[in-house]
């Protein structure tokens, strides 16, 4: 019965997505908007036709993992290290300013000190999915804009992991010493995973690829196994699965086979990302809109308007051009899927109420939608409405 339910859910999601995507393209709307709206329409707070959003959300998480793996395939290790050095100060300074902005809004609307701090933490980060999905794969990954977007997102991911570790420590009865132990474990785990990945690739994985490169099915299977395997190892070590997948991609980026793997995995990535955006819309409780509309709209407006200005200012102080600073700022002018995770974990551990959690969720949805519009109408992207701006 559960199996039939999942098949029926997939039928509704992908048939519905095909219909609304056709309408979206005819009316020159971004496809991401169509998937989120479809989720709200068919989900448990809409027509109640797809109800197991938790399962769909877990399945769709694989799309984010593949997205980071494919990103890693385009990054040469030496280039990546140089890029991260240049972006570190901008990432830290911007995160502090965004935290202050979110905290100020939360506190102004009467939320508790803890709730205001968690709202502040949630707006610190930009969306890896929006940022990278709207980057032309063959163009911007090898240009300064792409380098800065990727570097800032990766550094934000590291900060987000630290925030999530703190929140996870509040979900149980663990002592402060256990939290410190977890932090130390995480700090040690990252270089060990990176070193182990490069050693494994050099002495085992590349030799297997060279020996059996005639069998395309095997290369495809090996790539998926390597991506998900390292993602799970990173997850078990206290890091995120996304970071493990990214390391997996970078570790084979220098191999000639990397571009073949990237091309073959793109359809699989898109399959899961459709589920991801559908689950965002389906998980939102529409009955709370009246309570959280004003703070969410104000916070979304501040995010959309101040993030580009702050990134533009900080990048100009880092010797980047004004046009580059604006483009990076607009591409990162939303909050993150990590923000949704922060909202879910904090609400589940009773650190914040349902209302504060939905302020974060509503802000995420609004900024996902509006920043997508801004990017696809003004900058090169794979789903740009204008033929002139469309780059894959």
Protein backbone atom coordinates (compact mmCIF):
# COMPACT_ATOMS: atom_id res chain seq x y z
CA UNK A 1 0.00 0.00 0.00
CA UNK A 2 2.84 2.40 0.95
CA UNK A 3 4.53 1.48 -2.33
CA UNK A 4 1.38 2.33 -4.32
CA UNK A 5 1.07 5.58 -2.39
CA UNK A 6 4.63 6.56 -3.32
CA UNK A 7 4.06 5.68 -6.99
CA UNK A 8 0.81 7.68 -6.97
CA UNK A 9 2.60 10.61 -5.33
CA UNK A 10 5.29 10.49 -8.02
CA UNK A 11 2.60 10.39 -10.69
CA UNK A 12 0.93 13.50 -9.27
CA UNK A 13 4.21 15.36 -8.78
CA UNK A 14 5.81 14.71 -12.16
CA UNK A 15 2.66 14.81 -14.27
CA UNK A 16 1.60 17.96 -12.45
CA UNK A 17 5.12 19.40 -12.81
CA UNK A 18 5.06 18.74 -16.56
CA UNK A 19 1.74 20.61 -16.88
CA UNK A 20 2.67 23.61 -14.71
CA UNK A 21 6.15 23.76 -16.26
CA UNK A 22 4.53 24.04 -19.71
CA UNK A 23 2.31 26.85 -18.43
CA UNK A 24 5.29 28.52 -16.75
CA UNK A 25 7.33 28.48 -19.96
CA UNK A 26 4.44 29.84 -22.01
CA UNK A 27 3.97 32.68 -19.51
CA UNK A 28 7.74 33.24 -19.14
CA UNK A 29 7.91 32.24 -15.46
CA UNK A 30 10.81 30.42 -13.76
CA UNK A 31 10.28 26.67 -13.39
CA UNK A 32 11.29 26.71 -9.71
CA UNK A 33 8.22 28.85 -9.00
CA UNK A 34 6.00 26.28 -10.72
CA UNK A 35 7.33 23.40 -8.59
CA UNK A 36 6.86 25.26 -5.27
CA UNK A 37 3.33 26.41 -6.19
CA UNK A 38 2.43 22.86 -7.25
CA UNK A 39 3.65 21.57 -3.87
CA UNK A 40 1.47 24.06 -1.97
CA UNK A 41 -1.51 23.18 -4.22
CA UNK A 42 -1.28 19.37 -3.95
CA UNK A 43 0.25 19.09 -0.44
CA UNK A 44 -1.36 18.39 2.95
CA UNK A 45 -2.31 22.05 3.44
CA UNK A 46 -3.81 22.33 -0.06
CA UNK A 47 -5.84 19.61 -1.80
CA UNK A 48 -4.24 16.90 0.43
CA UNK A 49 -3.42 14.71 -2.56
CA UNK A 50 0.23 14.23 -1.53
CA UNK A 51 0.54 13.86 2.23
CA UNK A 52 3.88 12.15 3.02
CA UNK A 53 6.01 15.28 2.59
CA UNK A 54 8.63 14.06 5.10
CA UNK A 55 9.46 11.07 2.89
CA UNK A 56 9.55 13.23 -0.24
CA UNK A 57 11.79 15.76 1.51
CA UNK A 58 14.24 13.01 2.49
CA UNK A 59 14.28 11.61 -1.06
CA UNK A 60 14.71 15.07 -2.57
CA UNK A 61 17.76 15.70 -0.37
CA UNK A 62 19.62 13.40 -2.77
CA UNK A 63 19.22 16.13 -5.41
CA UNK A 64 21.18 18.58 -3.26
CA UNK A 65 23.89 15.94 -2.77
CA UNK A 66 24.19 15.36 -6.53
CA UNK A 67 24.22 19.12 -7.13
CA UNK A 68 27.25 19.54 -4.87
CA UNK A 69 28.96 16.49 -6.39
CA UNK A 70 28.57 17.92 -9.91
CA UNK A 71 29.84 21.27 -8.67
CA UNK A 72 32.94 19.58 -7.25
CA UNK A 73 33.61 17.91 -10.61
CA UNK A 74 34.12 21.39 -12.11
CA UNK A 75 36.56 22.60 -9.44
CA UNK A 76 40.31 22.01 -9.68
CA UNK A 77 41.73 21.55 -6.12
CA UNK A 78 44.46 24.23 -6.42
CA UNK A 79 41.96 26.69 -7.86
CA UNK A 80 39.51 25.93 -5.05
CA UNK A 81 42.05 26.66 -2.28
CA UNK A 82 42.94 30.02 -3.83
CA UNK A 83 39.25 30.92 -4.21
CA UNK A 84 38.39 30.09 -0.59
CA UNK A 85 41.23 32.28 0.71
CA UNK A 86 39.85 35.26 -1.22
CA UNK A 87 36.25 34.76 -0.04
CA UNK A 88 36.76 34.01 3.68
CA UNK A 89 36.60 37.56 5.07
CA UNK A 90 33.59 38.43 2.92
CA UNK A 91 31.74 35.29 4.09
CA UNK A 92 32.38 35.95 7.80
CA UNK A 93 31.59 39.70 7.68
CA UNK A 94 28.42 39.23 5.60
CA UNK A 95 27.16 36.44 7.89
CA UNK A 96 27.52 38.71 10.93
CA UNK A 97 25.62 41.55 9.22
CA UNK A 98 22.85 39.22 8.02
CA UNK A 99 22.51 37.75 11.53
CA UNK A 100 22.04 41.27 12.95
CA UNK A 101 19.39 42.01 10.32
CA UNK A 102 17.37 38.85 11.08
CA UNK A 103 17.73 39.24 14.83
CA UNK A 104 16.51 42.86 14.60
CA UNK A 105 13.36 41.88 12.69
CA UNK A 106 12.58 38.97 15.03
CA UNK A 107 13.08 41.09 18.15
CA UNK A 108 11.00 43.98 16.69
CA UNK A 109 7.99 41.69 16.19
CA UNK A 110 8.04 40.48 19.79
CA UNK A 111 9.63 37.07 19.36
CA UNK A 112 11.68 35.76 22.27
CA UNK A 113 15.42 36.31 22.49
CA UNK A 114 16.09 32.71 21.39
CA UNK A 115 13.60 32.92 18.52
CA UNK A 116 15.10 36.21 17.31
CA UNK A 117 18.61 34.69 17.42
CA UNK A 118 17.49 31.64 15.43
CA UNK A 119 15.73 33.86 12.86
CA UNK A 120 19.02 35.80 12.65
CA UNK A 121 20.99 32.57 12.16
CA UNK A 122 18.55 31.43 9.46
CA UNK A 123 19.06 34.54 7.29
CA UNK A 124 22.87 34.32 7.44
CA UNK A 125 23.04 31.88 4.56
CA UNK A 126 22.23 31.93 0.84
CA UNK A 127 20.76 29.03 -1.10
CA UNK A 128 23.25 26.57 -2.55
CA UNK A 129 20.54 25.22 -4.85
CA UNK A 130 19.38 28.59 -6.22
CA UNK A 131 22.93 29.96 -6.42
CA UNK A 132 24.38 27.01 -8.28
CA UNK A 133 21.35 25.91 -10.32
CA UNK A 134 21.15 29.41 -11.84
CA UNK A 135 24.87 29.42 -12.69
CA UNK A 136 25.61 28.40 -16.30
CA UNK A 137 27.62 25.21 -15.91
CA UNK A 138 29.96 25.68 -18.85
CA UNK A 139 30.52 29.41 -18.40
CA UNK A 140 30.46 30.81 -14.89
CA UNK A 141 32.18 27.99 -13.01
CA UNK A 142 35.35 29.10 -14.80
CA UNK A 143 34.84 32.84 -14.40
CA UNK A 144 35.29 35.13 -11.43
CA UNK A 145 31.54 35.42 -10.77
CA UNK A 146 31.15 31.67 -10.52
CA UNK A 147 34.26 31.32 -8.37
CA UNK A 148 33.02 33.88 -5.85
CA UNK A 149 29.49 32.46 -5.72
CA UNK A 150 30.82 28.93 -5.15
CA UNK A 151 33.46 30.03 -2.62
CA UNK A 152 30.99 32.07 -0.56
CA UNK A 153 28.40 29.28 -0.59
CA UNK A 154 30.95 26.70 0.56
CA UNK A 155 32.16 28.91 3.41
CA UNK A 156 28.55 29.59 4.41
CA UNK A 157 27.96 25.83 4.43
CA UNK A 158 30.81 25.42 6.95
CA UNK A 159 29.29 28.15 9.17
CA UNK A 160 25.85 26.53 8.78
CA UNK A 161 27.24 23.18 9.94
CA UNK A 162 28.53 24.84 13.12
CA UNK A 163 25.07 26.37 13.73
CA UNK A 164 23.40 23.01 13.14
CA UNK A 165 25.81 21.29 15.54
CA UNK A 166 24.82 23.82 18.19
CA UNK A 167 21.12 23.20 17.52
CA UNK A 168 21.56 19.42 17.55
CA UNK A 169 23.23 19.74 20.96
CA UNK A 170 20.04 21.38 22.23
CA UNK A 171 17.81 18.50 21.13
CA UNK A 172 18.93 16.11 23.84
CA UNK A 173 20.30 15.99 27.38
CA UNK A 174 23.94 15.98 26.37
CA UNK A 175 26.39 17.84 28.55
CA UNK A 176 28.43 20.78 27.38
CA UNK A 177 31.49 18.53 27.21
CA UNK A 178 29.71 16.33 24.66
CA UNK A 179 29.08 19.36 22.45
CA UNK A 180 32.74 20.35 22.63
CA UNK A 181 33.73 16.78 21.78
CA UNK A 182 31.43 16.89 18.74
CA UNK A 183 33.02 20.15 17.55
CA UNK A 184 36.53 18.71 17.91
CA UNK A 185 35.46 15.50 16.14
CA UNK A 186 34.08 17.56 13.24
CA UNK A 187 37.21 19.72 12.94
CA UNK A 188 39.41 16.61 12.82
CA UNK A 189 37.06 14.72 10.48
CA UNK A 190 37.13 17.23 7.60
CA UNK A 191 40.88 17.04 6.76
CA UNK A 192 40.83 13.26 7.31
CA UNK A 193 37.93 12.83 4.86
CA UNK A 194 39.61 15.10 2.29
CA UNK A 195 42.95 13.27 2.57
CA UNK A 196 41.32 9.84 2.54
CA UNK A 197 39.23 10.75 -0.51
CA UNK A 198 42.23 11.84 -2.59
CA UNK A 199 44.23 8.74 -1.59
CA UNK A 200 41.31 6.41 -2.44
CA UNK A 201 40.77 8.12 -5.80
CA UNK A 202 44.46 8.00 -6.74
CA UNK A 203 45.12 4.37 -5.84
CA UNK A 204 41.75 2.65 -6.32
CA UNK A 205 38.99 4.63 -8.04
CA UNK A 206 40.97 5.95 -11.03
CA UNK A 207 42.51 2.52 -11.63
CA UNK A 208 39.01 0.99 -11.72
CA UNK A 209 37.82 3.70 -14.13
CA UNK A 210 40.83 3.19 -16.43
CA UNK A 211 40.38 -0.59 -16.46
CA UNK A 212 36.63 -0.62 -17.16
CA UNK A 213 36.04 2.70 -18.94
CA UNK A 214 34.40 0.89 -21.88
CA UNK A 215 31.43 0.00 -19.67
CA UNK A 216 29.46 3.24 -19.36
CA UNK A 217 26.92 1.71 -17.02
CA UNK A 218 29.73 0.75 -14.63
CA UNK A 219 31.21 4.29 -14.68
CA UNK A 220 27.77 5.71 -13.96
CA UNK A 221 27.27 3.28 -11.07
CA UNK A 222 30.76 3.90 -9.68
CA UNK A 223 30.22 7.68 -9.72
CA UNK A 224 26.91 7.42 -7.83
CA UNK A 225 28.43 4.99 -5.32
CA UNK A 226 31.43 7.28 -4.72
CA UNK A 227 29.25 10.38 -4.32
CA UNK A 228 26.72 8.84 -1.91
CA UNK A 229 29.39 6.83 -0.07
CA UNK A 230 31.51 9.86 0.81
CA UNK A 231 28.35 11.88 1.57
CA UNK A 232 27.33 9.26 4.15
CA UNK A 233 30.83 9.11 5.66
CA UNK A 234 30.81 12.90 6.08
CA UNK A 235 27.33 12.73 7.62
CA UNK A 236 28.44 10.10 10.14
CA UNK A 237 31.48 12.23 11.03
CA UNK A 238 29.26 15.18 12.02
CA UNK A 239 29.69 17.12 8.77
CA UNK A 240 26.93 17.47 6.18
CA UNK A 241 26.29 15.01 3.36
CA UNK A 242 26.61 17.96 0.96
CA UNK A 243 30.21 18.64 2.01
CA UNK A 244 31.06 14.95 1.57
CA UNK A 245 29.55 14.97 -1.92
CA UNK A 246 31.48 18.11 -2.84
CA UNK A 247 34.77 16.56 -1.65
CA UNK A 248 33.91 13.45 -3.71
CA UNK A 249 33.51 15.60 -6.81
CA UNK A 250 36.68 17.67 -6.27
CA UNK A 251 38.72 14.51 -5.67
CA UNK A 252 38.07 13.30 -9.25
CA UNK A 253 37.91 16.73 -10.92
CA UNK A 254 41.38 16.29 -12.44
CA UNK A 255 40.38 13.01 -14.10
CA UNK A 256 39.55 13.12 -17.85
CA UNK A 257 36.37 11.15 -17.08
CA UNK A 258 34.97 13.89 -14.80
CA UNK A 259 33.06 15.74 -17.55
CA UNK A 260 31.46 12.52 -18.81
CA UNK A 261 30.28 11.78 -15.25
CA UNK A 262 28.95 15.33 -14.89
CA UNK A 263 26.93 15.07 -18.11
CA UNK A 264 25.49 11.65 -17.28
CA UNK A 265 24.36 12.63 -13.76
CA UNK A 266 22.56 15.89 -14.65
CA UNK A 267 19.15 14.27 -15.43
CA UNK A 268 19.29 12.37 -12.13
CA UNK A 269 20.08 15.61 -10.26
CA UNK A 270 17.13 17.40 -11.90
CA UNK A 271 14.74 14.55 -10.98
CA UNK A 272 15.51 14.94 -7.28
CA UNK A 273 15.58 18.75 -7.35
CA UNK A 274 12.01 18.81 -8.67
CA UNK A 275 11.05 16.79 -5.59
CA UNK A 276 12.98 19.21 -3.37
CA UNK A 277 11.12 22.31 -4.56
CA UNK A 278 7.79 20.46 -4.50
CA UNK A 279 8.39 19.43 -0.86
CA UNK A 280 9.16 23.05 0.14
CA UNK A 281 5.74 24.15 -1.10
CA UNK A 282 3.96 21.10 0.32
CA UNK A 283 5.43 21.48 3.82
CA UNK A 284 4.17 25.01 4.36
CA UNK A 285 1.12 25.37 6.66
CA UNK A 286 -1.10 27.82 4.77
CA UNK A 287 -3.37 28.38 7.81
CA UNK A 288 -0.58 30.36 9.53
CA UNK A 289 -0.22 32.88 6.70
CA UNK A 290 -2.30 35.53 8.50
CA UNK A 291 -0.08 35.38 11.59
CA UNK A 292 3.31 35.46 9.92
CA UNK A 293 2.68 37.41 6.70
CA UNK A 294 3.88 40.85 7.91
CA UNK A 295 7.19 39.80 9.56
CA UNK A 296 7.94 37.34 6.72
CA UNK A 297 7.31 39.94 4.00
CA UNK A 298 9.40 42.59 5.78
CA UNK A 299 12.23 40.12 6.37
CA UNK A 300 12.07 38.94 2.74
CA UNK A 301 12.22 42.54 1.46
CA UNK A 302 15.24 43.27 3.68
CA UNK A 303 17.00 40.08 2.52
CA UNK A 304 16.33 40.78 -1.16
CA UNK A 305 17.40 44.43 -0.94
CA UNK A 306 20.24 44.38 1.63
CA UNK A 307 22.08 41.19 0.69
CA UNK A 308 23.10 42.52 -2.76
CA UNK A 309 24.15 45.86 -1.22
CA UNK A 310 26.20 44.19 1.53
CA UNK A 311 27.91 41.77 -0.86
CA UNK A 312 28.57 44.61 -3.30
CA UNK A 313 30.18 46.71 -0.52
CA UNK A 314 32.28 43.87 0.94
CA UNK A 315 33.47 42.63 -2.44
CA UNK A 316 34.45 46.16 -3.53
CA UNK A 317 36.57 46.35 -0.37
CA UNK A 318 38.12 43.08 -1.57
CA UNK A 319 39.20 44.70 -4.88
CA UNK A 320 36.34 43.30 -6.98
CA UNK A 321 34.53 45.40 -9.61
CA UNK A 322 31.16 47.01 -8.88
CA UNK A 323 29.33 45.04 -11.60
CA UNK A 324 30.76 41.76 -10.30
CA UNK A 325 29.76 42.64 -6.73
CA UNK A 326 26.18 43.41 -7.77
CA UNK A 327 25.84 40.18 -9.76
CA UNK A 328 27.21 38.01 -6.94
CA UNK A 329 24.96 39.86 -4.48
CA UNK A 330 21.80 39.31 -6.53
CA UNK A 331 22.68 35.65 -7.16
CA UNK A 332 23.05 35.18 -3.38
CA UNK A 333 20.11 37.43 -2.49
CA UNK A 334 17.95 34.85 -0.74
CA UNK A 335 18.08 32.64 2.33
CA UNK A 336 19.02 28.98 2.27
CA UNK A 337 17.74 25.43 2.40
CA UNK A 338 19.91 25.32 5.54
CA UNK A 339 17.54 28.00 6.91
CA UNK A 340 14.65 25.57 6.49
CA UNK A 341 16.63 22.87 8.28
CA UNK A 342 17.42 25.30 11.12
CA UNK A 343 13.68 26.10 11.40
CA UNK A 344 12.67 22.42 11.48
CA UNK A 345 15.31 21.40 14.05
CA UNK A 346 14.73 24.40 16.34
CA UNK A 347 10.94 23.90 16.26
CA UNK A 348 11.31 20.16 16.86
CA UNK A 349 13.47 20.76 19.95
CA UNK A 350 11.01 23.43 21.23
CA UNK A 351 13.64 26.19 21.00
CA UNK A 352 11.22 28.22 18.88
CA UNK A 353 7.46 28.14 18.37
CA UNK A 354 5.59 27.11 15.23
CA UNK A 355 4.95 30.76 14.34
CA UNK A 356 8.66 31.71 14.38
CA UNK A 357 9.48 28.56 12.41
CA UNK A 358 6.96 29.52 9.71
CA UNK A 359 8.36 33.07 9.52
CA UNK A 360 11.67 31.46 8.47
CA UNK A 361 9.92 29.06 6.06
CA UNK A 362 7.82 31.82 4.47
CA UNK A 363 10.87 34.07 4.10
CA UNK A 364 12.74 31.19 2.43
CA UNK A 365 9.93 30.56 -0.06
CA UNK A 366 9.47 34.27 -0.86
CA UNK A 367 13.18 34.88 -1.35
CA UNK A 368 13.61 31.67 -3.39
CA UNK A 369 10.83 32.81 -5.73
CA UNK A 370 11.69 36.51 -6.02
CA UNK A 371 15.47 36.12 -6.26
CA UNK A 372 14.93 33.51 -9.02
CA UNK A 373 12.90 36.10 -10.93
CA UNK A 374 15.62 38.72 -10.46
CA UNK A 375 18.39 36.41 -11.68
CA UNK A 376 16.67 34.84 -14.68
CA UNK A 377 15.50 38.20 -16.01
CA UNK A 378 18.82 40.00 -15.54
CA UNK A 379 21.76 37.56 -15.58
CA UNK A 380 22.91 34.54 -17.61
CA UNK A 381 21.39 31.28 -16.37
CA UNK A 382 20.34 27.85 -17.71
CA UNK A 383 16.62 28.70 -17.25
CA UNK A 384 16.69 32.35 -18.31
CA UNK A 385 13.51 33.46 -20.06
CA UNK A 386 15.42 35.47 -22.68
CA UNK A 387 17.35 33.52 -25.34
CA UNK A 388 20.10 36.12 -25.04
CA UNK A 389 20.69 35.29 -21.35
CA UNK A 390 20.16 31.52 -21.52
CA UNK A 391 23.41 29.63 -20.90
CA UNK A 392 23.60 25.96 -19.94
